[in-house]
Amino acid sequence: MDRLNKYLSRQKYVVRRSEGSPYRNFLLYVEEIYQVTVVYPIKYLFDIPLKYYEYFKSYKKKDIDNKNLKQFCNIIKEQHEINNEQQKCFCCYCRQDDMVFPLFSHFNYKKAKFKCNKKEQEEDIVLTLSCLKKKDKIFHSFFIQQNYNFFMLNVTLQQFGIDKSTLERKTYLLDSSNYEIDDEVFNVKIKFNVQKNYRNDDIEGNYLFVDSNIFKDRMEIF
């Protein structure tokens, strides 16, 4: 059952090119691996680095008052976004041995030094609301997961065509010692930078794809 749950928890993000793209016969998907999830945005290559406005607010158990954590966060998230129309907010849940938080390109996550389950005054932090300034362009995200003291990301590029009998497929496994893909054939560039502290859970990274039209298309989860 545990193995089944691990399999079901994985998500594949399939990126399909537009009809006009010279790389439309290449399929790219990113699969999350392991159990703890952090979220990165995918940034178009040659975009000007974004300057994000950051907003953090932490909530302790007494603030939640036995309410449903997800419902509570959705309410405060909606209220904050209504009051601050130029911001996009994310719920960050802190659970036992499990930290989930968003990280963003060109965004130094210094304020994220808070630790889930770390005692602050009298009670644990169970929820953090973090907000960024909205931009005109849409940034899609995929997941990267941590297991023990390393991070791993599975990226597969697959070429397909009606006139081909077999599919050409190339898979990369990225971690802290192997963190960059620069493949001219598949026209993809991914860079994964790791910033660790003593708990190995602070990281920053940029994920850049050479064909900027790739993320104007639909991203499917299955």
N, C-alpha and C. Protein backbone atom coordinates (compact mmCIF):
# COMPACT_ATOMS: atom_id res chain seq x y z
N MET A 1 0.83 -1.21 0.00
CA MET A 1 0.00 0.00 0.00
C MET A 1 0.87 1.26 0.00
N ASP A 2 1.97 1.24 0.78
CA ASP A 2 2.86 2.40 0.82
C ASP A 2 3.47 2.66 -0.55
N ARG A 3 3.83 1.58 -1.22
CA ARG A 3 4.41 1.74 -2.56
C ARG A 3 3.38 2.32 -3.53
N LEU A 4 2.15 1.87 -3.42
CA LEU A 4 1.08 2.40 -4.27
C LEU A 4 0.85 3.87 -3.99
N ASN A 5 0.83 4.26 -2.72
CA ASN A 5 0.63 5.66 -2.36
C ASN A 5 1.75 6.54 -2.89
N LYS A 6 2.99 6.03 -2.85
CA LYS A 6 4.12 6.79 -3.37
C LYS A 6 3.96 7.00 -4.87
N TYR A 7 3.51 5.93 -5.56
CA TYR A 7 3.33 6.04 -7.01
C TYR A 7 2.23 7.04 -7.34
N LEU A 8 1.12 6.96 -6.61
CA LEU A 8 0.00 7.85 -6.88
C LEU A 8 0.33 9.29 -6.56
N SER A 9 1.29 9.52 -5.64
CA SER A 9 1.63 10.88 -5.25
C SER A 9 2.50 11.57 -6.29
N ARG A 10 3.07 10.79 -7.20
CA ARG A 10 3.89 11.40 -8.25
C ARG A 10 3.00 12.06 -9.30
N GLN A 11 3.48 13.16 -9.82
CA GLN A 11 2.73 13.85 -10.86
C GLN A 11 3.64 14.14 -12.04
N LYS A 12 3.13 13.90 -13.24
CA LYS A 12 3.89 14.19 -14.44
C LYS A 12 3.31 15.42 -15.12
N TYR A 13 4.17 16.37 -15.43
CA TYR A 13 3.74 17.60 -16.08
C TYR A 13 4.20 17.53 -17.53
N VAL A 14 3.25 17.37 -18.43
CA VAL A 14 3.56 17.20 -19.84
C VAL A 14 3.42 18.53 -20.55
N VAL A 15 4.44 18.90 -21.30
CA VAL A 15 4.43 20.17 -22.03
C VAL A 15 4.33 19.87 -23.52
N ARG A 16 3.31 20.39 -24.16
CA ARG A 16 3.10 20.17 -25.58
C ARG A 16 3.35 21.48 -26.33
N ARG A 17 4.08 21.36 -27.45
CA ARG A 17 4.43 22.55 -28.24
C ARG A 17 3.27 22.95 -29.15
N SER A 18 3.30 24.21 -29.56
CA SER A 18 2.29 24.69 -30.50
C SER A 18 2.59 24.17 -31.89
N GLU A 19 1.60 24.26 -32.77
CA GLU A 19 1.76 23.75 -34.13
C GLU A 19 2.89 24.47 -34.87
N GLY A 20 3.08 25.75 -34.56
CA GLY A 20 4.09 26.51 -35.26
C GLY A 20 5.49 26.36 -34.71
N SER A 21 5.64 25.67 -33.62
CA SER A 21 6.96 25.52 -33.01
C SER A 21 7.81 24.54 -33.80
N PRO A 22 9.08 24.88 -34.07
CA PRO A 22 9.95 23.94 -34.78
C PRO A 22 10.27 22.71 -33.95
N TYR A 23 9.92 22.76 -32.66
CA TYR A 23 10.23 21.64 -31.77
C TYR A 23 8.96 20.90 -31.35
N ARG A 24 7.90 21.01 -32.17
CA ARG A 24 6.62 20.45 -31.76
C ARG A 24 6.64 18.92 -31.72
N ASN A 25 7.64 18.29 -32.35
CA ASN A 25 7.73 16.84 -32.29
C ASN A 25 8.50 16.35 -31.07
N PHE A 26 8.82 17.29 -30.18
CA PHE A 26 9.51 16.91 -28.95
C PHE A 26 8.55 17.09 -27.78
N LEU A 27 8.42 16.04 -27.02
CA LEU A 27 7.57 16.07 -25.83
C LEU A 27 8.47 16.13 -24.60
N LEU A 28 8.17 17.02 -23.68
CA LEU A 28 8.96 17.14 -22.47
C LEU A 28 8.05 16.95 -21.28
N TYR A 29 8.46 16.12 -20.34
CA TYR A 29 7.70 16.06 -19.10
C TYR A 29 8.65 15.96 -17.92
N VAL A 30 8.20 16.51 -16.81
CA VAL A 30 8.97 16.52 -15.58
C VAL A 30 8.19 15.73 -14.55
N GLU A 31 8.85 14.80 -13.91
CA GLU A 31 8.18 13.96 -12.92
C GLU A 31 8.77 14.22 -11.54
N GLU A 32 7.91 14.43 -10.59
CA GLU A 32 8.39 14.65 -9.23
C GLU A 32 8.73 13.31 -8.59
N ILE A 33 9.73 13.32 -7.75
CA ILE A 33 10.22 12.11 -7.11
C ILE A 33 10.32 12.33 -5.61
N TYR A 34 10.00 11.34 -4.85
CA TYR A 34 10.10 11.34 -3.39
C TYR A 34 8.97 12.11 -2.74
N GLN A 35 9.12 12.51 -1.50
CA GLN A 35 7.97 12.82 -0.69
C GLN A 35 7.76 14.30 -0.35
N VAL A 36 8.81 15.05 -0.14
CA VAL A 36 8.63 16.45 0.24
C VAL A 36 8.68 17.32 -1.00
N THR A 37 7.73 18.19 -1.15
CA THR A 37 7.57 18.95 -2.38
C THR A 37 7.85 20.43 -2.17
N VAL A 38 8.67 20.99 -3.05
CA VAL A 38 8.82 22.44 -3.11
C VAL A 38 8.49 22.86 -4.54
N VAL A 39 8.04 24.06 -4.73
CA VAL A 39 7.54 24.50 -6.03
C VAL A 39 8.47 25.56 -6.62
N TYR A 40 8.88 25.38 -7.85
CA TYR A 40 9.67 26.36 -8.59
C TYR A 40 8.84 26.89 -9.76
N PRO A 41 8.99 28.13 -10.12
CA PRO A 41 8.40 28.57 -11.39
C PRO A 41 9.37 28.28 -12.52
N ILE A 42 8.83 28.12 -13.70
CA ILE A 42 9.66 27.98 -14.88
C ILE A 42 9.75 29.34 -15.55
N LYS A 43 10.95 29.83 -15.73
CA LYS A 43 11.17 31.19 -16.21
C LYS A 43 11.60 31.15 -17.68
N TYR A 44 11.01 32.01 -18.50
CA TYR A 44 11.41 32.09 -19.89
C TYR A 44 12.86 32.57 -19.98
N LEU A 45 13.61 31.95 -20.87
CA LEU A 45 14.97 32.42 -21.10
C LEU A 45 14.94 33.83 -21.69
N PHE A 46 15.89 34.63 -21.31
CA PHE A 46 16.04 36.03 -21.74
C PHE A 46 15.05 36.97 -21.07
N ASP A 47 14.21 36.47 -20.19
CA ASP A 47 13.35 37.38 -19.43
C ASP A 47 14.19 38.22 -18.50
N ILE A 48 13.74 39.45 -18.27
CA ILE A 48 14.41 40.30 -17.29
C ILE A 48 14.16 39.71 -15.91
N PRO A 49 15.17 39.59 -15.06
CA PRO A 49 14.95 39.06 -13.71
C PRO A 49 13.86 39.82 -12.98
N LEU A 50 12.97 39.10 -12.35
CA LEU A 50 11.84 39.71 -11.67
C LEU A 50 12.23 40.17 -10.28
N LYS A 51 11.69 41.28 -9.89
CA LYS A 51 11.86 41.80 -8.53
C LYS A 51 10.54 41.58 -7.81
N TYR A 52 10.50 40.62 -6.96
CA TYR A 52 9.27 40.26 -6.29
C TYR A 52 9.06 41.06 -5.01
N TYR A 53 7.85 41.45 -4.82
CA TYR A 53 7.46 41.99 -3.51
C TYR A 53 7.05 40.81 -2.65
N GLU A 54 7.60 40.68 -1.49
CA GLU A 54 7.32 39.51 -0.66
C GLU A 54 6.47 39.87 0.55
N TYR A 55 5.63 38.96 0.89
CA TYR A 55 4.78 39.10 2.08
C TYR A 55 4.68 37.74 2.75
N PHE A 56 5.01 37.70 4.02
CA PHE A 56 4.91 36.46 4.78
C PHE A 56 4.11 36.70 6.04
N LYS A 57 3.27 35.77 6.35
CA LYS A 57 2.61 35.79 7.65
C LYS A 57 2.48 34.36 8.15
N SER A 58 2.94 34.15 9.38
CA SER A 58 2.90 32.81 9.97
C SER A 58 1.72 32.69 10.93
N TYR A 59 1.17 31.50 10.97
CA TYR A 59 0.04 31.21 11.86
C TYR A 59 0.38 30.02 12.74
N LYS A 60 0.04 30.14 14.02
CA LYS A 60 0.30 29.07 14.97
C LYS A 60 -0.99 28.29 15.23
N LYS A 61 -0.85 27.25 15.99
CA LYS A 61 -2.01 26.40 16.26
C LYS A 61 -3.17 27.18 16.88
N LYS A 62 -2.84 28.09 17.78
CA LYS A 62 -3.90 28.86 18.44
C LYS A 62 -4.61 29.79 17.45
N ASP A 63 -3.91 30.23 16.38
CA ASP A 63 -4.55 31.09 15.37
C ASP A 63 -5.57 30.31 14.55
N ILE A 64 -5.28 29.04 14.31
CA ILE A 64 -6.17 28.20 13.51
C ILE A 64 -7.42 27.81 14.29
N ASP A 65 -7.25 27.62 15.58
CA ASP A 65 -8.38 27.32 16.48
C ASP A 65 -9.17 26.09 16.02
N ASN A 66 -8.44 25.01 15.75
CA ASN A 66 -9.04 23.72 15.38
C ASN A 66 -9.84 23.75 14.08
N LYS A 67 -9.65 24.78 13.26
CA LYS A 67 -10.33 24.83 11.97
C LYS A 67 -9.58 23.97 10.96
N ASN A 68 -10.26 23.64 9.88
CA ASN A 68 -9.62 22.92 8.80
C ASN A 68 -8.51 23.79 8.20
N LEU A 69 -7.30 23.26 8.17
CA LEU A 69 -6.14 24.07 7.77
C LEU A 69 -6.25 24.58 6.34
N LYS A 70 -6.68 23.73 5.43
CA LYS A 70 -6.79 24.13 4.03
C LYS A 70 -7.87 25.19 3.84
N GLN A 71 -9.03 24.98 4.46
CA GLN A 71 -10.11 25.95 4.35
C GLN A 71 -9.72 27.28 4.97
N PHE A 72 -9.05 27.22 6.11
CA PHE A 72 -8.61 28.44 6.79
C PHE A 72 -7.67 29.24 5.90
N CYS A 73 -6.71 28.55 5.29
CA CYS A 73 -5.74 29.25 4.45
C CYS A 73 -6.39 29.81 3.19
N ASN A 74 -7.31 29.05 2.60
CA ASN A 74 -7.99 29.55 1.40
C ASN A 74 -8.77 30.83 1.68
N ILE A 75 -9.35 30.92 2.87
CA ILE A 75 -10.11 32.12 3.24
C ILE A 75 -9.19 33.32 3.39
N ILE A 76 -8.10 33.15 4.15
CA ILE A 76 -7.19 34.29 4.35
C ILE A 76 -6.46 34.63 3.06
N LYS A 77 -6.20 33.63 2.23
CA LYS A 77 -5.57 33.86 0.93
C LYS A 77 -6.47 34.73 0.05
N GLU A 78 -7.75 34.36 -0.05
CA GLU A 78 -8.69 35.13 -0.86
C GLU A 78 -8.85 36.54 -0.33
N GLN A 79 -8.93 36.69 0.98
CA GLN A 79 -9.09 38.01 1.58
C GLN A 79 -7.88 38.89 1.28
N HIS A 80 -6.69 38.31 1.39
CA HIS A 80 -5.49 39.10 1.13
C HIS A 80 -5.40 39.50 -0.33
N GLU A 81 -5.75 38.60 -1.24
CA GLU A 81 -5.67 38.91 -2.67
C GLU A 81 -6.74 39.92 -3.08
N ILE A 82 -7.87 39.93 -2.38
CA ILE A 82 -8.89 40.95 -2.65
C ILE A 82 -8.40 42.32 -2.19
N ASN A 83 -7.79 42.36 -1.03
CA ASN A 83 -7.28 43.62 -0.49
C ASN A 83 -6.02 44.08 -1.20
N ASN A 84 -5.30 43.15 -1.81
CA ASN A 84 -4.06 43.48 -2.51
C ASN A 84 -4.13 42.84 -3.89
N GLU A 85 -4.76 43.53 -4.82
CA GLU A 85 -5.07 42.94 -6.12
C GLU A 85 -3.83 42.61 -6.94
N GLN A 86 -2.70 43.22 -6.63
CA GLN A 86 -1.49 42.99 -7.40
C GLN A 86 -0.63 41.86 -6.84
N GLN A 87 -1.19 41.14 -5.89
CA GLN A 87 -0.42 40.06 -5.28
C GLN A 87 -1.06 38.70 -5.52
N LYS A 88 -0.20 37.71 -5.64
CA LYS A 88 -0.62 36.32 -5.75
C LYS A 88 -0.07 35.58 -4.54
N CYS A 89 -0.94 34.87 -3.82
CA CYS A 89 -0.54 34.26 -2.55
C CYS A 89 -0.55 32.74 -2.61
N PHE A 90 0.25 32.15 -1.74
CA PHE A 90 0.40 30.70 -1.68
C PHE A 90 0.29 30.24 -0.24
N CYS A 91 -0.40 29.13 -0.04
CA CYS A 91 -0.50 28.53 1.29
C CYS A 91 0.68 27.58 1.50
N CYS A 92 1.34 27.73 2.61
CA CYS A 92 2.50 26.89 2.93
C CYS A 92 2.19 26.14 4.21
N TYR A 93 2.01 24.84 4.09
CA TYR A 93 1.61 24.05 5.25
C TYR A 93 2.82 23.41 5.91
N CYS A 94 2.84 23.45 7.22
CA CYS A 94 3.94 22.85 7.98
C CYS A 94 3.39 21.64 8.72
N ARG A 95 3.97 20.49 8.39
CA ARG A 95 3.52 19.27 9.04
C ARG A 95 4.74 18.54 9.60
N GLN A 96 4.48 17.49 10.30
CA GLN A 96 5.56 16.75 10.90
C GLN A 96 6.49 16.17 9.83
N ASP A 97 7.78 16.51 9.93
CA ASP A 97 8.80 16.01 9.01
C ASP A 97 8.48 16.32 7.55
N ASP A 98 7.73 17.36 7.32
CA ASP A 98 7.32 17.65 5.95
C ASP A 98 7.15 19.14 5.79
N MET A 99 7.95 19.76 4.94
CA MET A 99 7.84 21.20 4.73
C MET A 99 7.51 21.47 3.28
N VAL A 100 6.49 22.24 3.02
CA VAL A 100 6.07 22.59 1.68
C VAL A 100 6.05 24.10 1.56
N PHE A 101 6.83 24.65 0.64
CA PHE A 101 6.84 26.10 0.49
C PHE A 101 7.24 26.44 -0.94
N PRO A 102 6.83 27.59 -1.44
CA PRO A 102 7.20 27.98 -2.80
C PRO A 102 8.53 28.72 -2.82
N LEU A 103 9.35 28.43 -3.82
CA LEU A 103 10.58 29.17 -4.07
C LEU A 103 10.48 29.76 -5.47
N PHE A 104 11.10 30.90 -5.69
CA PHE A 104 10.91 31.59 -6.95
C PHE A 104 12.23 32.06 -7.53
N SER A 105 12.36 32.01 -8.86
CA SER A 105 13.57 32.44 -9.53
C SER A 105 13.90 33.88 -9.17
N HIS A 106 15.20 34.15 -9.02
CA HIS A 106 15.69 35.48 -8.69
C HIS A 106 15.06 36.01 -7.41
N PHE A 107 14.76 35.14 -6.55
CA PHE A 107 14.13 35.53 -5.28
C PHE A 107 14.93 34.90 -4.16
N ASN A 108 15.65 35.71 -3.40
CA ASN A 108 16.48 35.20 -2.31
C ASN A 108 15.58 34.87 -1.13
N TYR A 109 15.54 33.63 -0.78
CA TYR A 109 14.56 33.16 0.19
C TYR A 109 15.07 33.30 1.62
N LYS A 110 15.67 34.46 1.92
CA LYS A 110 16.23 34.67 3.25
C LYS A 110 15.16 34.64 4.34
N LYS A 111 14.00 35.20 4.01
CA LYS A 111 12.96 35.24 5.03
C LYS A 111 12.34 33.87 5.28
N ALA A 112 12.71 32.92 4.43
CA ALA A 112 12.15 31.58 4.61
C ALA A 112 13.00 30.73 5.53
N LYS A 113 13.81 31.36 6.35
CA LYS A 113 14.64 30.62 7.29
C LYS A 113 13.81 30.07 8.44
N PHE A 114 12.53 30.43 8.45
CA PHE A 114 11.68 29.85 9.47
C PHE A 114 11.64 28.34 9.28
N LYS A 115 11.51 27.64 10.34
CA LYS A 115 11.49 26.19 10.28
C LYS A 115 10.12 25.68 10.72
N CYS A 116 9.52 24.87 9.87
CA CYS A 116 8.29 24.23 10.29
C CYS A 116 8.59 23.31 11.46
N ASN A 117 7.68 23.29 12.39
CA ASN A 117 7.78 22.47 13.59
C ASN A 117 8.84 22.97 14.57
N LYS A 118 9.42 24.09 14.29
CA LYS A 118 10.37 24.66 15.24
C LYS A 118 9.61 25.51 16.25
N LYS A 119 9.93 25.36 17.50
CA LYS A 119 9.24 26.11 18.54
C LYS A 119 9.54 27.60 18.41
N GLU A 120 8.52 28.39 18.34
CA GLU A 120 8.66 29.84 18.39
C GLU A 120 7.78 30.33 19.51
N GLN A 121 8.40 30.84 20.52
CA GLN A 121 7.72 31.23 21.74
C GLN A 121 7.06 29.99 22.35
N GLU A 122 5.75 29.88 22.27
CA GLU A 122 5.08 28.78 22.96
C GLU A 122 4.50 27.71 22.04
N GLU A 123 4.32 28.06 20.76
CA GLU A 123 3.62 27.11 19.90
C GLU A 123 4.31 26.95 18.56
N ASP A 124 4.01 25.86 17.89
CA ASP A 124 4.56 25.59 16.56
C ASP A 124 3.85 26.41 15.50
N ILE A 125 4.58 26.75 14.46
CA ILE A 125 3.97 27.34 13.27
C ILE A 125 3.38 26.20 12.44
N VAL A 126 2.13 26.33 12.05
CA VAL A 126 1.47 25.29 11.26
C VAL A 126 1.13 25.75 9.85
N LEU A 127 1.21 27.06 9.62
CA LEU A 127 0.81 27.59 8.32
C LEU A 127 1.52 28.91 8.08
N THR A 128 1.96 29.12 6.83
CA THR A 128 2.52 30.41 6.44
C THR A 128 1.89 30.84 5.13
N LEU A 129 1.47 32.08 5.07
CA LEU A 129 0.94 32.66 3.83
C LEU A 129 2.04 33.51 3.22
N SER A 130 2.40 33.22 1.98
CA SER A 130 3.44 33.99 1.29
C SER A 130 2.87 34.53 -0.01
N CYS A 131 3.19 35.78 -0.33
CA CYS A 131 2.61 36.44 -1.50
C CYS A 131 3.69 37.09 -2.35
N LEU A 132 3.45 37.10 -3.65
CA LEU A 132 4.34 37.74 -4.61
C LEU A 132 3.56 38.74 -5.44
N LYS A 133 4.28 39.68 -5.99
CA LYS A 133 3.65 40.67 -6.86
C LYS A 133 3.29 40.01 -8.19
N LYS A 134 2.09 40.25 -8.65
CA LYS A 134 1.63 39.68 -9.92
C LYS A 134 2.41 40.27 -11.08
N LYS A 135 2.58 39.46 -12.11
CA LYS A 135 3.22 39.89 -13.35
C LYS A 135 2.29 39.59 -14.52
N ASP A 136 2.54 40.27 -15.63
CA ASP A 136 1.71 40.05 -16.81
C ASP A 136 1.88 38.65 -17.38
N LYS A 137 3.12 38.16 -17.34
CA LYS A 137 3.39 36.85 -17.90
C LYS A 137 3.03 35.76 -16.90
N ILE A 138 2.62 34.63 -17.44
CA ILE A 138 2.25 33.50 -16.60
C ILE A 138 3.48 32.62 -16.41
N PHE A 139 3.72 32.24 -15.18
CA PHE A 139 4.82 31.35 -14.88
C PHE A 139 4.26 30.02 -14.39
N HIS A 140 4.51 28.99 -15.15
CA HIS A 140 4.08 27.66 -14.75
C HIS A 140 5.11 27.07 -13.80
N SER A 141 4.72 26.10 -13.06
CA SER A 141 5.66 25.51 -12.10
C SER A 141 5.62 24.00 -12.15
N PHE A 142 6.74 23.40 -11.80
CA PHE A 142 6.75 21.97 -11.57
C PHE A 142 7.32 21.71 -10.19
N PHE A 143 7.35 20.45 -9.80
CA PHE A 143 7.74 20.11 -8.44
C PHE A 143 9.11 19.44 -8.40
N ILE A 144 9.80 19.70 -7.32
CA ILE A 144 11.04 19.00 -7.06
C ILE A 144 10.94 18.48 -5.64
N GLN A 145 11.49 17.33 -5.38
CA GLN A 145 11.27 16.72 -4.07
C GLN A 145 12.58 16.36 -3.38
N GLN A 146 12.54 16.37 -2.09
CA GLN A 146 13.70 16.11 -1.25
C GLN A 146 13.56 14.76 -0.57
N ASN A 147 14.65 14.03 -0.52
CA ASN A 147 14.68 12.79 0.23
C ASN A 147 15.97 12.76 1.03
N TYR A 148 15.87 12.75 2.33
CA TYR A 148 17.03 12.78 3.20
C TYR A 148 17.84 14.04 2.92
N ASN A 149 19.08 13.89 2.42
CA ASN A 149 19.94 15.07 2.26
C ASN A 149 20.22 15.39 0.80
N PHE A 150 19.36 14.94 -0.11
CA PHE A 150 19.58 15.30 -1.50
C PHE A 150 18.26 15.58 -2.20
N PHE A 151 18.36 16.25 -3.33
CA PHE A 151 17.19 16.61 -4.13
C PHE A 151 17.31 15.91 -5.47
N MET A 152 16.19 15.52 -6.02
CA MET A 152 16.24 14.80 -7.28
C MET A 152 15.07 15.21 -8.17
N LEU A 153 15.34 15.36 -9.45
CA LEU A 153 14.33 15.74 -10.43
C LEU A 153 14.51 14.87 -11.66
N ASN A 154 13.45 14.28 -12.14
CA ASN A 154 13.51 13.44 -13.33
C ASN A 154 12.92 14.20 -14.51
N VAL A 155 13.73 14.48 -15.51
CA VAL A 155 13.30 15.21 -16.70
C VAL A 155 13.46 14.31 -17.91
N THR A 156 12.39 14.12 -18.65
CA THR A 156 12.44 13.27 -19.84
C THR A 156 12.05 14.07 -21.07
N LEU A 157 12.89 13.98 -22.09
CA LEU A 157 12.61 14.60 -23.38
C LEU A 157 12.37 13.47 -24.38
N GLN A 158 11.30 13.57 -25.13
CA GLN A 158 10.91 12.48 -26.01
C GLN A 158 10.54 13.03 -27.38
N GLN A 159 11.17 12.50 -28.41
CA GLN A 159 10.83 12.91 -29.77
C GLN A 159 9.90 11.86 -30.38
N PHE A 160 8.88 12.33 -31.08
CA PHE A 160 7.94 11.40 -31.68
C PHE A 160 7.52 11.93 -33.05
N GLY A 161 7.12 11.05 -33.91
CA GLY A 161 6.68 11.44 -35.24
C GLY A 161 5.92 10.31 -35.90
N ILE A 162 5.00 10.66 -36.79
CA ILE A 162 4.19 9.64 -37.46
C ILE A 162 5.05 8.74 -38.34
N ASP A 163 6.12 9.30 -38.91
CA ASP A 163 6.94 8.54 -39.84
C ASP A 163 8.04 7.75 -39.15
N LYS A 164 8.05 7.74 -37.82
CA LYS A 164 9.11 7.04 -37.10
C LYS A 164 8.54 5.79 -36.43
N SER A 165 9.29 4.71 -36.52
CA SER A 165 8.82 3.46 -35.94
C SER A 165 9.05 3.41 -34.43
N THR A 166 10.06 4.08 -33.95
CA THR A 166 10.35 4.09 -32.52
C THR A 166 10.46 5.53 -32.03
N LEU A 167 10.23 5.69 -30.76
CA LEU A 167 10.33 7.00 -30.15
C LEU A 167 11.74 7.22 -29.63
N GLU A 168 12.27 8.39 -29.86
CA GLU A 168 13.56 8.76 -29.30
C GLU A 168 13.32 9.41 -27.95
N ARG A 169 14.03 8.91 -26.96
CA ARG A 169 13.75 9.33 -25.59
C ARG A 169 15.06 9.57 -24.86
N LYS A 170 15.11 10.62 -24.08
CA LYS A 170 16.30 10.93 -23.30
C LYS A 170 15.87 11.40 -21.92
N THR A 171 16.43 10.78 -20.89
CA THR A 171 16.05 11.10 -19.52
C THR A 171 17.25 11.61 -18.75
N TYR A 172 17.03 12.66 -17.98
CA TYR A 172 18.06 13.22 -17.11
C TYR A 172 17.61 13.08 -15.66
N LEU A 173 18.53 12.75 -14.81
CA LEU A 173 18.26 12.71 -13.38
C LEU A 173 19.13 13.76 -12.72
N LEU A 174 18.49 14.79 -12.17
CA LEU A 174 19.23 15.91 -11.59
C LEU A 174 19.23 15.82 -10.08
N ASP A 175 20.38 16.11 -9.50
CA ASP A 175 20.48 16.22 -8.05
C ASP A 175 21.54 17.27 -7.73
N SER A 176 22.00 17.32 -6.49
CA SER A 176 22.91 18.39 -6.08
C SER A 176 24.29 18.26 -6.72
N SER A 177 24.66 17.09 -7.21
CA SER A 177 25.96 16.91 -7.86
C SER A 177 25.85 16.96 -9.38
N ASN A 178 24.67 16.82 -9.89
CA ASN A 178 24.43 16.85 -11.33
C ASN A 178 23.21 17.73 -11.58
N TYR A 179 23.43 19.01 -11.80
CA TYR A 179 22.33 19.97 -11.70
C TYR A 179 22.12 20.81 -12.95
N GLU A 180 22.72 20.44 -14.08
CA GLU A 180 22.55 21.29 -15.26
C GLU A 180 22.37 20.44 -16.51
N ILE A 181 21.41 20.84 -17.34
CA ILE A 181 21.19 20.25 -18.66
C ILE A 181 21.35 21.36 -19.69
N ASP A 182 22.18 21.12 -20.68
CA ASP A 182 22.31 22.06 -21.79
C ASP A 182 22.36 21.23 -23.07
N ASP A 183 21.21 20.97 -23.62
CA ASP A 183 21.06 20.05 -24.72
C ASP A 183 20.57 20.80 -25.95
N GLU A 184 21.48 21.01 -26.93
CA GLU A 184 21.11 21.76 -28.12
C GLU A 184 20.17 20.97 -29.02
N VAL A 185 20.30 19.66 -29.03
CA VAL A 185 19.46 18.83 -29.88
C VAL A 185 18.00 18.94 -29.46
N PHE A 186 17.77 18.82 -28.15
CA PHE A 186 16.41 18.91 -27.64
C PHE A 186 16.03 20.35 -27.30
N ASN A 187 16.97 21.26 -27.50
CA ASN A 187 16.70 22.68 -27.29
C ASN A 187 16.16 22.97 -25.88
N VAL A 188 16.86 22.48 -24.89
CA VAL A 188 16.43 22.69 -23.52
C VAL A 188 17.65 22.99 -22.65
N LYS A 189 17.43 23.89 -21.73
CA LYS A 189 18.48 24.22 -20.76
C LYS A 189 17.85 24.31 -19.38
N ILE A 190 18.31 23.50 -18.47
CA ILE A 190 17.81 23.50 -17.11
C ILE A 190 18.99 23.63 -16.17
N LYS A 191 18.87 24.49 -15.21
CA LYS A 191 19.92 24.67 -14.22
C LYS A 191 19.32 24.55 -12.83
N PHE A 192 19.95 23.77 -12.01
CA PHE A 192 19.45 23.51 -10.67
C PHE A 192 20.54 23.84 -9.66
N ASN A 193 20.37 24.92 -8.91
CA ASN A 193 21.35 25.32 -7.91
C ASN A 193 20.85 24.96 -6.52
N VAL A 194 21.75 24.46 -5.72
CA VAL A 194 21.38 24.02 -4.38
C VAL A 194 22.05 24.92 -3.35
N GLN A 195 21.28 25.38 -2.40
CA GLN A 195 21.80 26.14 -1.27
C GLN A 195 21.34 25.43 -0.01
N LYS A 196 22.30 24.88 0.74
CA LYS A 196 21.94 24.04 1.87
C LYS A 196 22.29 24.72 3.20
N ASN A 197 21.52 24.40 4.20
CA ASN A 197 21.91 24.73 5.56
C ASN A 197 22.10 23.42 6.31
N TYR A 198 22.19 23.47 7.60
CA TYR A 198 22.48 22.25 8.34
C TYR A 198 21.38 21.21 8.23
N ARG A 199 20.16 21.64 7.87
CA ARG A 199 19.06 20.68 7.70
C ARG A 199 18.84 20.33 6.24
N ASN A 200 19.64 20.93 5.35
CA ASN A 200 19.56 20.62 3.92
C ASN A 200 18.20 20.91 3.31
N ASP A 201 17.52 21.95 3.79
CA ASP A 201 16.19 22.20 3.23
C ASP A 201 16.02 23.64 2.74
N ASP A 202 17.12 24.35 2.49
CA ASP A 202 17.03 25.67 1.87
C ASP A 202 17.69 25.58 0.50
N ILE A 203 16.94 25.81 -0.55
CA ILE A 203 17.49 25.72 -1.89
C ILE A 203 16.93 26.85 -2.75
N GLU A 204 17.71 27.24 -3.75
CA GLU A 204 17.26 28.20 -4.74
C GLU A 204 17.53 27.62 -6.12
N GLY A 205 16.79 28.03 -7.12
CA GLY A 205 17.07 27.51 -8.44
C GLY A 205 16.36 28.24 -9.55
N ASN A 206 16.92 28.14 -10.76
CA ASN A 206 16.29 28.66 -11.96
C ASN A 206 16.12 27.52 -12.95
N TYR A 207 14.97 27.47 -13.59
CA TYR A 207 14.72 26.47 -14.61
C TYR A 207 14.39 27.20 -15.91
N LEU A 208 15.30 27.14 -16.87
CA LEU A 208 15.15 27.93 -18.08
C LEU A 208 15.02 27.02 -19.29
N PHE A 209 14.02 27.30 -20.12
CA PHE A 209 13.83 26.53 -21.33
C PHE A 209 14.03 27.44 -22.53
N VAL A 210 14.89 26.98 -23.46
CA VAL A 210 15.31 27.83 -24.56
C VAL A 210 14.13 28.24 -25.44
N ASP A 211 13.24 27.32 -25.72
CA ASP A 211 12.08 27.63 -26.55
C ASP A 211 11.01 28.27 -25.67
N SER A 212 10.94 29.60 -25.68
CA SER A 212 10.04 30.29 -24.76
C SER A 212 8.57 30.04 -25.08
N ASN A 213 8.28 29.63 -26.31
CA ASN A 213 6.89 29.35 -26.68
C ASN A 213 6.35 28.08 -26.02
N ILE A 214 7.24 27.32 -25.46
CA ILE A 214 6.83 26.03 -24.92
C ILE A 214 5.78 26.18 -23.82
N PHE A 215 5.88 27.22 -23.03
CA PHE A 215 4.97 27.37 -21.91
C PHE A 215 3.79 28.28 -22.22
N LYS A 216 3.66 28.66 -23.48
CA LYS A 216 2.43 29.32 -23.90
C LYS A 216 1.38 28.28 -24.25
N ASP A 217 1.83 27.04 -24.33
CA ASP A 217 0.92 25.94 -24.63
C ASP A 217 0.34 25.38 -23.35
N ARG A 218 -0.48 24.41 -23.53
CA ARG A 218 -1.18 23.80 -22.42
C ARG A 218 -0.26 22.84 -21.67
N MET A 219 -0.37 22.87 -20.35
CA MET A 219 0.37 21.93 -19.53
C MET A 219 -0.62 20.95 -18.91
N GLU A 220 -0.40 19.68 -19.14
CA GLU A 220 -1.35 18.66 -18.69
C GLU A 220 -0.77 17.88 -17.51
N ILE A 221 -1.62 17.54 -16.57
CA ILE A 221 -1.24 16.71 -15.43
C ILE A 221 -2.02 15.42 -15.53
N PHE A 222 -1.31 14.32 -15.43
CA PHE A 222 -2.02 13.04 -15.49
C PHE A 222 -1.32 12.02 -14.60
